[in-house]
Amino acid sequence: MSLAAHFQMLARYNRLANEELYAVCAQLDDAAYRRRRPGSFGSIHALLNHMLLADRIWMARFEGGGKTTPPLDSVLYEDFATLRSARAAEDSRIESLFAHPALDFFERTLTYINSRGKDSASRMLVAVPHFFNHQTHHRGQVHVMLRDAGLQPPSLDLHRLMQP
């Protein structure tokens, strides 16, 4: 499998995993969705917003922008339905970018100001795996929060979601 094909697979997996995760999150009432829970950002609502924000930050960098980093706890959308729609659009954007990366895409180095206000540089071959790993890491946290909320979290195993 080529490097590009590997990341195309991860982009598809990302979309499928988010669809599964959001389908279960949609079963929560608003109070349970926003309830304070152990884990990053303190609630399912805040964590889903963070995941979308981080994806947009990295996608902007991959596309040649994103030189600054907004606060990582920024809430992009206050309601679940709008957040879910924005998530689906972002996942399509991710799949589109990785469907046809530029020939030199994986050879590039990104320069930006990180979340601590420091000048940073990341090689694309490190930034892209981080991008997908970050999503997986936080989906795992939402998974635990869903169990805490009394729901059965979805199976998000790559080998299960990627079956033909």
N, C-alpha and C. Protein backbone atom coordinates (compact mmCIF):
# COMPACT_ATOMS: atom_id res chain seq x y z
N MET A 1 0.85 -1.18 0.00
CA MET A 1 0.00 0.00 0.00
C MET A 1 0.89 1.23 0.00
N SER A 2 0.60 2.16 -0.88
CA SER A 2 1.37 3.40 -0.94
C SER A 2 1.03 4.28 0.27
N LEU A 3 1.88 5.26 0.51
CA LEU A 3 1.64 6.21 1.60
C LEU A 3 0.32 6.94 1.39
N ALA A 4 0.08 7.39 0.17
CA ALA A 4 -1.17 8.09 -0.13
C ALA A 4 -2.36 7.18 0.11
N ALA A 5 -2.29 5.93 -0.32
CA ALA A 5 -3.40 4.99 -0.13
C ALA A 5 -3.64 4.72 1.36
N HIS A 6 -2.59 4.67 2.13
CA HIS A 6 -2.72 4.47 3.58
C HIS A 6 -3.52 5.61 4.21
N PHE A 7 -3.18 6.84 3.87
CA PHE A 7 -3.88 7.98 4.45
C PHE A 7 -5.29 8.14 3.88
N GLN A 8 -5.51 7.69 2.64
CA GLN A 8 -6.86 7.67 2.09
C GLN A 8 -7.74 6.71 2.91
N MET A 9 -7.16 5.56 3.28
CA MET A 9 -7.87 4.61 4.12
C MET A 9 -8.20 5.23 5.48
N LEU A 10 -7.23 5.93 6.08
CA LEU A 10 -7.48 6.55 7.38
C LEU A 10 -8.52 7.67 7.28
N ALA A 11 -8.55 8.39 6.18
CA ALA A 11 -9.56 9.43 5.99
C ALA A 11 -10.96 8.81 5.90
N ARG A 12 -11.06 7.70 5.20
CA ARG A 12 -12.36 7.00 5.12
C ARG A 12 -12.75 6.45 6.48
N TYR A 13 -11.79 5.82 7.17
CA TYR A 13 -12.06 5.31 8.52
C TYR A 13 -12.52 6.43 9.45
N ASN A 14 -11.86 7.57 9.37
CA ASN A 14 -12.23 8.72 10.20
C ASN A 14 -13.70 9.08 9.99
N ARG A 15 -14.12 9.15 8.73
CA ARG A 15 -15.51 9.49 8.43
C ARG A 15 -16.46 8.44 9.00
N LEU A 16 -16.17 7.18 8.76
CA LEU A 16 -17.05 6.11 9.23
C LEU A 16 -17.12 6.07 10.76
N ALA A 17 -15.98 6.24 11.42
CA ALA A 17 -15.96 6.23 12.88
C ALA A 17 -16.75 7.41 13.44
N ASN A 18 -16.61 8.58 12.83
CA ASN A 18 -17.37 9.74 13.29
C ASN A 18 -18.86 9.54 13.07
N GLU A 19 -19.25 8.95 11.96
CA GLU A 19 -20.67 8.68 11.71
C GLU A 19 -21.24 7.77 12.80
N GLU A 20 -20.50 6.72 13.14
CA GLU A 20 -20.94 5.79 14.19
C GLU A 20 -21.03 6.49 15.54
N LEU A 21 -20.01 7.26 15.87
CA LEU A 21 -19.96 7.94 17.16
C LEU A 21 -21.09 8.95 17.29
N TYR A 22 -21.30 9.76 16.27
CA TYR A 22 -22.35 10.77 16.31
C TYR A 22 -23.74 10.14 16.35
N ALA A 23 -23.91 8.98 15.72
CA ALA A 23 -25.21 8.30 15.77
C ALA A 23 -25.57 7.93 17.21
N VAL A 24 -24.60 7.48 17.98
CA VAL A 24 -24.88 7.14 19.38
C VAL A 24 -25.04 8.42 20.20
N CYS A 25 -24.21 9.42 19.97
CA CYS A 25 -24.34 10.69 20.70
C CYS A 25 -25.72 11.30 20.48
N ALA A 26 -26.30 11.09 19.33
CA ALA A 26 -27.62 11.65 19.02
C ALA A 26 -28.71 11.07 19.92
N GLN A 27 -28.46 9.95 20.58
CA GLN A 27 -29.43 9.34 21.48
C GLN A 27 -29.50 10.06 22.84
N LEU A 28 -28.51 10.90 23.13
CA LEU A 28 -28.48 11.60 24.41
C LEU A 28 -29.43 12.79 24.41
N ASP A 29 -30.06 13.04 25.55
CA ASP A 29 -30.79 14.30 25.66
C ASP A 29 -29.76 15.41 25.89
N ASP A 30 -30.18 16.65 25.75
CA ASP A 30 -29.25 17.77 25.81
C ASP A 30 -28.50 17.85 27.14
N ALA A 31 -29.18 17.56 28.24
CA ALA A 31 -28.53 17.62 29.56
C ALA A 31 -27.42 16.58 29.67
N ALA A 32 -27.68 15.37 29.22
CA ALA A 32 -26.67 14.31 29.28
C ALA A 32 -25.51 14.61 28.32
N TYR A 33 -25.84 15.17 27.18
CA TYR A 33 -24.82 15.53 26.18
C TYR A 33 -23.86 16.58 26.72
N ARG A 34 -24.37 17.49 27.53
CA ARG A 34 -23.55 18.59 28.07
C ARG A 34 -23.05 18.34 29.50
N ARG A 35 -23.47 17.24 30.11
CA ARG A 35 -23.10 16.97 31.50
C ARG A 35 -21.58 16.92 31.66
N ARG A 36 -21.12 17.48 32.76
CA ARG A 36 -19.69 17.47 33.09
C ARG A 36 -19.26 16.03 33.35
N ARG A 37 -18.20 15.60 32.66
CA ARG A 37 -17.70 14.22 32.80
C ARG A 37 -16.17 14.23 32.84
N PRO A 38 -15.59 13.21 33.48
CA PRO A 38 -14.13 13.12 33.46
C PRO A 38 -13.63 12.97 32.02
N GLY A 39 -12.51 13.57 31.72
CA GLY A 39 -11.92 13.48 30.39
C GLY A 39 -11.61 14.86 29.84
N SER A 40 -10.96 14.88 28.73
CA SER A 40 -10.58 16.14 28.10
C SER A 40 -11.79 17.00 27.81
N PHE A 41 -11.70 18.26 28.14
CA PHE A 41 -12.68 19.31 27.82
C PHE A 41 -13.98 19.20 28.59
N GLY A 42 -14.17 18.15 29.41
CA GLY A 42 -15.21 18.12 30.42
C GLY A 42 -16.61 17.69 30.03
N SER A 43 -16.90 17.55 28.75
CA SER A 43 -18.24 17.08 28.34
C SER A 43 -18.13 16.54 26.92
N ILE A 44 -19.13 15.76 26.55
CA ILE A 44 -19.16 15.25 25.18
C ILE A 44 -19.27 16.41 24.21
N HIS A 45 -20.13 17.38 24.53
CA HIS A 45 -20.30 18.55 23.67
C HIS A 45 -18.97 19.28 23.45
N ALA A 46 -18.26 19.57 24.52
CA ALA A 46 -17.00 20.31 24.41
C ALA A 46 -15.95 19.50 23.67
N LEU A 47 -15.91 18.20 23.92
CA LEU A 47 -14.90 17.35 23.28
C LEU A 47 -15.16 17.20 21.78
N LEU A 48 -16.41 17.04 21.38
CA LEU A 48 -16.73 16.96 19.95
C LEU A 48 -16.39 18.28 19.25
N ASN A 49 -16.64 19.40 19.92
CA ASN A 49 -16.25 20.69 19.35
C ASN A 49 -14.73 20.78 19.20
N HIS A 50 -13.99 20.34 20.22
CA HIS A 50 -12.53 20.38 20.15
C HIS A 50 -12.02 19.53 18.98
N MET A 51 -12.59 18.36 18.81
CA MET A 51 -12.14 17.48 17.73
C MET A 51 -12.33 18.15 16.37
N LEU A 52 -13.47 18.79 16.18
CA LEU A 52 -13.71 19.49 14.91
C LEU A 52 -12.77 20.67 14.76
N LEU A 53 -12.58 21.43 15.82
CA LEU A 53 -11.67 22.57 15.78
C LEU A 53 -10.26 22.12 15.41
N ALA A 54 -9.77 21.08 16.07
CA ALA A 54 -8.42 20.59 15.79
C ALA A 54 -8.29 20.12 14.34
N ASP A 55 -9.31 19.44 13.84
CA ASP A 55 -9.27 19.01 12.44
C ASP A 55 -9.21 20.21 11.50
N ARG A 56 -9.96 21.24 11.80
CA ARG A 56 -9.93 22.44 10.96
C ARG A 56 -8.58 23.14 11.03
N ILE A 57 -7.98 23.17 12.20
CA ILE A 57 -6.64 23.78 12.34
C ILE A 57 -5.65 23.03 11.46
N TRP A 58 -5.60 21.70 11.59
CA TRP A 58 -4.64 20.92 10.81
C TRP A 58 -4.95 20.95 9.33
N MET A 59 -6.22 20.88 8.97
CA MET A 59 -6.56 20.94 7.55
C MET A 59 -6.14 22.28 6.95
N ALA A 60 -6.32 23.36 7.67
CA ALA A 60 -5.87 24.67 7.18
C ALA A 60 -4.36 24.66 6.96
N ARG A 61 -3.64 24.06 7.87
CA ARG A 61 -2.18 23.95 7.72
C ARG A 61 -1.83 23.09 6.51
N PHE A 62 -2.51 21.97 6.35
CA PHE A 62 -2.24 21.09 5.21
C PHE A 62 -2.51 21.81 3.89
N GLU A 63 -3.46 22.74 3.91
CA GLU A 63 -3.84 23.47 2.69
C GLU A 63 -3.04 24.76 2.51
N GLY A 64 -2.06 25.01 3.38
CA GLY A 64 -1.18 26.16 3.22
C GLY A 64 -1.48 27.34 4.11
N GLY A 65 -2.47 27.25 4.97
CA GLY A 65 -2.82 28.34 5.90
C GLY A 65 -2.58 27.90 7.33
N GLY A 66 -3.47 28.33 8.22
CA GLY A 66 -3.42 27.88 9.61
C GLY A 66 -2.16 28.25 10.35
N LYS A 67 -1.67 29.45 10.12
CA LYS A 67 -0.40 29.86 10.74
C LYS A 67 -0.52 30.14 12.23
N THR A 68 -1.74 30.45 12.70
CA THR A 68 -1.94 30.67 14.13
C THR A 68 -2.89 29.59 14.66
N THR A 69 -2.90 29.44 15.98
CA THR A 69 -3.73 28.43 16.61
C THR A 69 -4.71 29.09 17.57
N PRO A 70 -6.01 28.93 17.34
CA PRO A 70 -6.98 29.50 18.27
C PRO A 70 -7.00 28.71 19.58
N PRO A 71 -7.66 29.24 20.61
CA PRO A 71 -7.79 28.46 21.86
C PRO A 71 -8.42 27.10 21.58
N LEU A 72 -7.81 26.05 22.11
CA LEU A 72 -8.24 24.69 21.79
C LEU A 72 -9.56 24.30 22.46
N ASP A 73 -10.05 25.12 23.38
CA ASP A 73 -11.34 24.86 24.00
C ASP A 73 -12.46 25.70 23.37
N SER A 74 -12.18 26.30 22.22
CA SER A 74 -13.20 27.08 21.53
C SER A 74 -14.40 26.20 21.17
N VAL A 75 -15.59 26.73 21.37
CA VAL A 75 -16.80 26.03 20.98
C VAL A 75 -17.26 26.61 19.65
N LEU A 76 -17.25 25.78 18.64
CA LEU A 76 -17.63 26.22 17.30
C LEU A 76 -19.13 26.26 17.10
N TYR A 77 -19.82 25.30 17.69
CA TYR A 77 -21.27 25.16 17.51
C TYR A 77 -21.91 24.83 18.85
N GLU A 78 -22.97 25.54 19.17
CA GLU A 78 -23.65 25.32 20.45
C GLU A 78 -24.63 24.17 20.41
N ASP A 79 -25.17 23.83 19.22
CA ASP A 79 -26.15 22.76 19.19
C ASP A 79 -25.61 21.55 18.44
N PHE A 80 -26.07 20.39 18.88
CA PHE A 80 -25.57 19.11 18.34
C PHE A 80 -25.85 18.97 16.86
N ALA A 81 -27.04 19.30 16.41
CA ALA A 81 -27.40 19.10 15.00
C ALA A 81 -26.47 19.88 14.06
N THR A 82 -26.17 21.11 14.41
CA THR A 82 -25.28 21.93 13.58
C THR A 82 -23.86 21.39 13.64
N LEU A 83 -23.43 20.98 14.82
CA LEU A 83 -22.09 20.38 14.97
C LEU A 83 -21.98 19.10 14.14
N ARG A 84 -23.01 18.28 14.18
CA ARG A 84 -23.01 17.02 13.42
C ARG A 84 -22.91 17.29 11.92
N SER A 85 -23.64 18.27 11.44
CA SER A 85 -23.59 18.63 10.03
C SER A 85 -22.20 19.16 9.64
N ALA A 86 -21.62 19.99 10.50
CA ALA A 86 -20.28 20.53 10.25
C ALA A 86 -19.24 19.41 10.27
N ARG A 87 -19.43 18.44 11.16
CA ARG A 87 -18.51 17.29 11.23
C ARG A 87 -18.54 16.51 9.93
N ALA A 88 -19.73 16.26 9.41
CA ALA A 88 -19.86 15.52 8.15
C ALA A 88 -19.19 16.28 7.00
N ALA A 89 -19.37 17.59 6.97
CA ALA A 89 -18.73 18.40 5.92
C ALA A 89 -17.21 18.35 6.05
N GLU A 90 -16.71 18.42 7.28
CA GLU A 90 -15.26 18.38 7.49
C GLU A 90 -14.69 17.03 7.10
N ASP A 91 -15.42 15.96 7.41
CA ASP A 91 -14.95 14.63 7.03
C ASP A 91 -14.89 14.47 5.51
N SER A 92 -15.83 15.07 4.80
CA SER A 92 -15.77 15.07 3.33
C SER A 92 -14.56 15.86 2.84
N ARG A 93 -14.30 16.98 3.48
CA ARG A 93 -13.12 17.80 3.14
C ARG A 93 -11.84 17.00 3.34
N ILE A 94 -11.76 16.26 4.44
CA ILE A 94 -10.58 15.45 4.74
C ILE A 94 -10.41 14.38 3.67
N GLU A 95 -11.48 13.68 3.34
CA GLU A 95 -11.39 12.64 2.31
C GLU A 95 -10.97 13.24 0.97
N SER A 96 -11.49 14.40 0.64
CA SER A 96 -11.13 15.05 -0.63
C SER A 96 -9.65 15.41 -0.68
N LEU A 97 -9.13 15.97 0.41
CA LEU A 97 -7.72 16.35 0.44
C LEU A 97 -6.82 15.13 0.24
N PHE A 98 -7.12 14.05 0.93
CA PHE A 98 -6.26 12.88 0.86
C PHE A 98 -6.52 12.01 -0.37
N ALA A 99 -7.61 12.26 -1.09
CA ALA A 99 -7.89 11.50 -2.31
C ALA A 99 -6.85 11.79 -3.39
N HIS A 100 -6.38 13.05 -3.44
CA HIS A 100 -5.43 13.44 -4.48
C HIS A 100 -4.41 14.42 -3.90
N PRO A 101 -3.53 13.95 -3.00
CA PRO A 101 -2.54 14.88 -2.45
C PRO A 101 -1.54 15.30 -3.53
N ALA A 102 -1.03 16.52 -3.38
CA ALA A 102 0.01 17.01 -4.31
C ALA A 102 1.20 16.06 -4.27
N LEU A 103 1.95 16.01 -5.35
CA LEU A 103 3.08 15.09 -5.43
C LEU A 103 4.09 15.29 -4.30
N ASP A 104 4.28 16.54 -3.87
CA ASP A 104 5.26 16.81 -2.82
C ASP A 104 4.62 16.95 -1.43
N PHE A 105 3.34 16.62 -1.31
CA PHE A 105 2.60 16.84 -0.07
C PHE A 105 3.31 16.26 1.15
N PHE A 106 3.72 15.02 1.08
CA PHE A 106 4.30 14.34 2.23
C PHE A 106 5.75 14.74 2.49
N GLU A 107 6.32 15.54 1.60
CA GLU A 107 7.69 16.02 1.77
C GLU A 107 7.75 17.41 2.41
N ARG A 108 6.61 18.04 2.56
CA ARG A 108 6.56 19.41 3.06
C ARG A 108 6.81 19.48 4.57
N THR A 109 7.15 20.69 5.02
CA THR A 109 7.23 21.00 6.44
C THR A 109 6.27 22.15 6.71
N LEU A 110 5.46 21.99 7.74
CA LEU A 110 4.50 23.02 8.13
C LEU A 110 5.14 23.94 9.16
N THR A 111 4.92 25.23 9.04
CA THR A 111 5.36 26.18 10.05
C THR A 111 4.13 26.93 10.55
N TYR A 112 4.06 27.12 11.86
CA TYR A 112 2.89 27.73 12.48
C TYR A 112 3.22 28.13 13.91
N ILE A 113 2.30 28.85 14.53
CA ILE A 113 2.42 29.18 15.95
C ILE A 113 1.51 28.21 16.69
N ASN A 114 2.08 27.45 17.62
CA ASN A 114 1.30 26.41 18.30
C ASN A 114 0.37 27.00 19.36
N SER A 115 -0.32 26.13 20.07
CA SER A 115 -1.32 26.55 21.05
C SER A 115 -0.71 27.25 22.27
N ARG A 116 0.59 27.15 22.42
CA ARG A 116 1.29 27.84 23.52
C ARG A 116 1.92 29.15 23.05
N GLY A 117 1.66 29.53 21.79
CA GLY A 117 2.19 30.77 21.25
C GLY A 117 3.62 30.67 20.76
N LYS A 118 4.13 29.47 20.57
CA LYS A 118 5.52 29.25 20.15
C LYS A 118 5.59 28.94 18.66
N ASP A 119 6.64 29.47 18.01
CA ASP A 119 6.89 29.10 16.62
C ASP A 119 7.16 27.60 16.56
N SER A 120 6.53 26.92 15.60
CA SER A 120 6.66 25.48 15.49
C SER A 120 6.82 25.06 14.04
N ALA A 121 7.40 23.91 13.87
CA ALA A 121 7.52 23.30 12.55
C ALA A 121 7.27 21.80 12.71
N SER A 122 6.51 21.25 11.79
CA SER A 122 6.23 19.82 11.79
C SER A 122 6.39 19.29 10.38
N ARG A 123 7.14 18.22 10.27
CA ARG A 123 7.22 17.55 8.97
C ARG A 123 5.87 16.90 8.68
N MET A 124 5.46 16.97 7.45
CA MET A 124 4.16 16.42 7.06
C MET A 124 4.07 14.94 7.42
N LEU A 125 5.16 14.21 7.32
CA LEU A 125 5.14 12.78 7.64
C LEU A 125 4.94 12.52 9.13
N VAL A 126 5.05 13.54 9.95
CA VAL A 126 4.71 13.43 11.37
C VAL A 126 3.35 14.07 11.63
N ALA A 127 3.07 15.19 10.98
CA ALA A 127 1.82 15.92 11.21
C ALA A 127 0.60 15.12 10.78
N VAL A 128 0.67 14.46 9.65
CA VAL A 128 -0.51 13.72 9.15
C VAL A 128 -0.84 12.54 10.07
N PRO A 129 0.12 11.70 10.45
CA PRO A 129 -0.23 10.64 11.41
C PRO A 129 -0.75 11.21 12.73
N HIS A 130 -0.17 12.33 13.19
CA HIS A 130 -0.67 12.96 14.41
C HIS A 130 -2.14 13.36 14.23
N PHE A 131 -2.46 13.95 13.12
CA PHE A 131 -3.82 14.38 12.80
C PHE A 131 -4.81 13.23 12.98
N PHE A 132 -4.51 12.09 12.37
CA PHE A 132 -5.42 10.94 12.48
C PHE A 132 -5.38 10.32 13.88
N ASN A 133 -4.22 10.28 14.50
CA ASN A 133 -4.11 9.74 15.85
C ASN A 133 -4.89 10.59 16.85
N HIS A 134 -4.83 11.91 16.70
CA HIS A 134 -5.54 12.82 17.60
C HIS A 134 -7.04 12.54 17.56
N GLN A 135 -7.57 12.33 16.36
CA GLN A 135 -8.99 12.03 16.22
C GLN A 135 -9.35 10.73 16.95
N THR A 136 -8.52 9.71 16.74
CA THR A 136 -8.77 8.42 17.36
C THR A 136 -8.69 8.51 18.88
N HIS A 137 -7.70 9.22 19.38
CA HIS A 137 -7.52 9.43 20.82
C HIS A 137 -8.79 10.02 21.44
N HIS A 138 -9.29 11.10 20.86
CA HIS A 138 -10.46 11.76 21.44
C HIS A 138 -11.76 10.98 21.20
N ARG A 139 -11.86 10.26 20.09
CA ARG A 139 -13.05 9.40 19.93
C ARG A 139 -13.09 8.36 21.04
N GLY A 140 -11.92 7.88 21.45
CA GLY A 140 -11.87 6.94 22.56
C GLY A 140 -12.38 7.56 23.86
N GLN A 141 -12.07 8.82 24.07
CA GLN A 141 -12.57 9.51 25.27
C GLN A 141 -14.08 9.68 25.21
N VAL A 142 -14.62 10.03 24.05
CA VAL A 142 -16.08 10.13 23.91
C VAL A 142 -16.71 8.77 24.15
N HIS A 143 -16.07 7.72 23.68
CA HIS A 143 -16.53 6.35 23.88
C HIS A 143 -16.73 6.07 25.37
N VAL A 144 -15.76 6.44 26.19
CA VAL A 144 -15.86 6.25 27.64
C VAL A 144 -16.98 7.11 28.22
N MET A 145 -17.09 8.35 27.75
CA MET A 145 -18.15 9.24 28.23
C MET A 145 -19.53 8.69 27.89
N LEU A 146 -19.67 8.07 26.73
CA LEU A 146 -20.96 7.49 26.36
C LEU A 146 -21.33 6.34 27.30
N ARG A 147 -20.36 5.52 27.64
CA ARG A 147 -20.62 4.43 28.59
C ARG A 147 -21.03 5.02 29.94
N ASP A 148 -20.34 6.10 30.36
CA ASP A 148 -20.67 6.79 31.60
C ASP A 148 -22.10 7.33 31.56
N ALA A 149 -22.56 7.68 30.38
CA ALA A 149 -23.92 8.20 30.20
C ALA A 149 -24.97 7.09 30.11
N GLY A 150 -24.52 5.83 30.18
CA GLY A 150 -25.44 4.71 30.16
C GLY A 150 -25.76 4.16 28.79
N LEU A 151 -25.02 4.58 27.77
CA LEU A 151 -25.23 4.09 26.41
C LEU A 151 -24.16 3.07 26.03
N GLN A 152 -24.49 2.23 25.09
CA GLN A 152 -23.52 1.28 24.54
C GLN A 152 -22.75 2.00 23.43
N PRO A 153 -21.47 2.28 23.66
CA PRO A 153 -20.69 2.96 22.61
C PRO A 153 -20.54 2.06 21.37
N PRO A 154 -20.37 2.67 20.22
CA PRO A 154 -20.21 1.87 19.00
C PRO A 154 -18.82 1.24 18.93
N SER A 155 -18.72 0.16 18.19
CA SER A 155 -17.41 -0.41 17.89
C SER A 155 -16.74 0.52 16.88
N LEU A 156 -15.56 0.98 17.21
CA LEU A 156 -14.83 1.89 16.32
C LEU A 156 -13.54 1.25 15.79
N ASP A 157 -13.43 -0.06 15.92
CA ASP A 157 -12.23 -0.74 15.44
C ASP A 157 -12.09 -0.58 13.94
N LEU A 158 -10.90 -0.18 13.53
CA LEU A 158 -10.62 0.06 12.11
C LEU A 158 -10.95 -1.17 11.27
N HIS A 159 -10.52 -2.34 11.71
CA HIS A 159 -10.73 -3.55 10.89
C HIS A 159 -12.20 -3.92 10.78
N ARG A 160 -13.03 -3.47 11.71
CA ARG A 160 -14.47 -3.75 11.61
C ARG A 160 -15.16 -2.75 10.68
N LEU A 161 -14.80 -1.48 10.81
CA LEU A 161 -15.45 -0.45 10.00
C LEU A 161 -15.02 -0.49 8.54
N MET A 162 -13.83 -0.99 8.28
CA MET A 162 -13.29 -0.97 6.92
C MET A 162 -13.59 -2.24 6.13
N GLN A 163 -14.40 -3.13 6.68
CA GLN A 163 -14.77 -4.35 5.94
C GLN A 163 -15.64 -3.96 4.74
N PRO A 164 -15.46 -4.67 3.63
CA PRO A 164 -16.26 -4.35 2.43
C PRO A 164 -17.74 -4.62 2.64
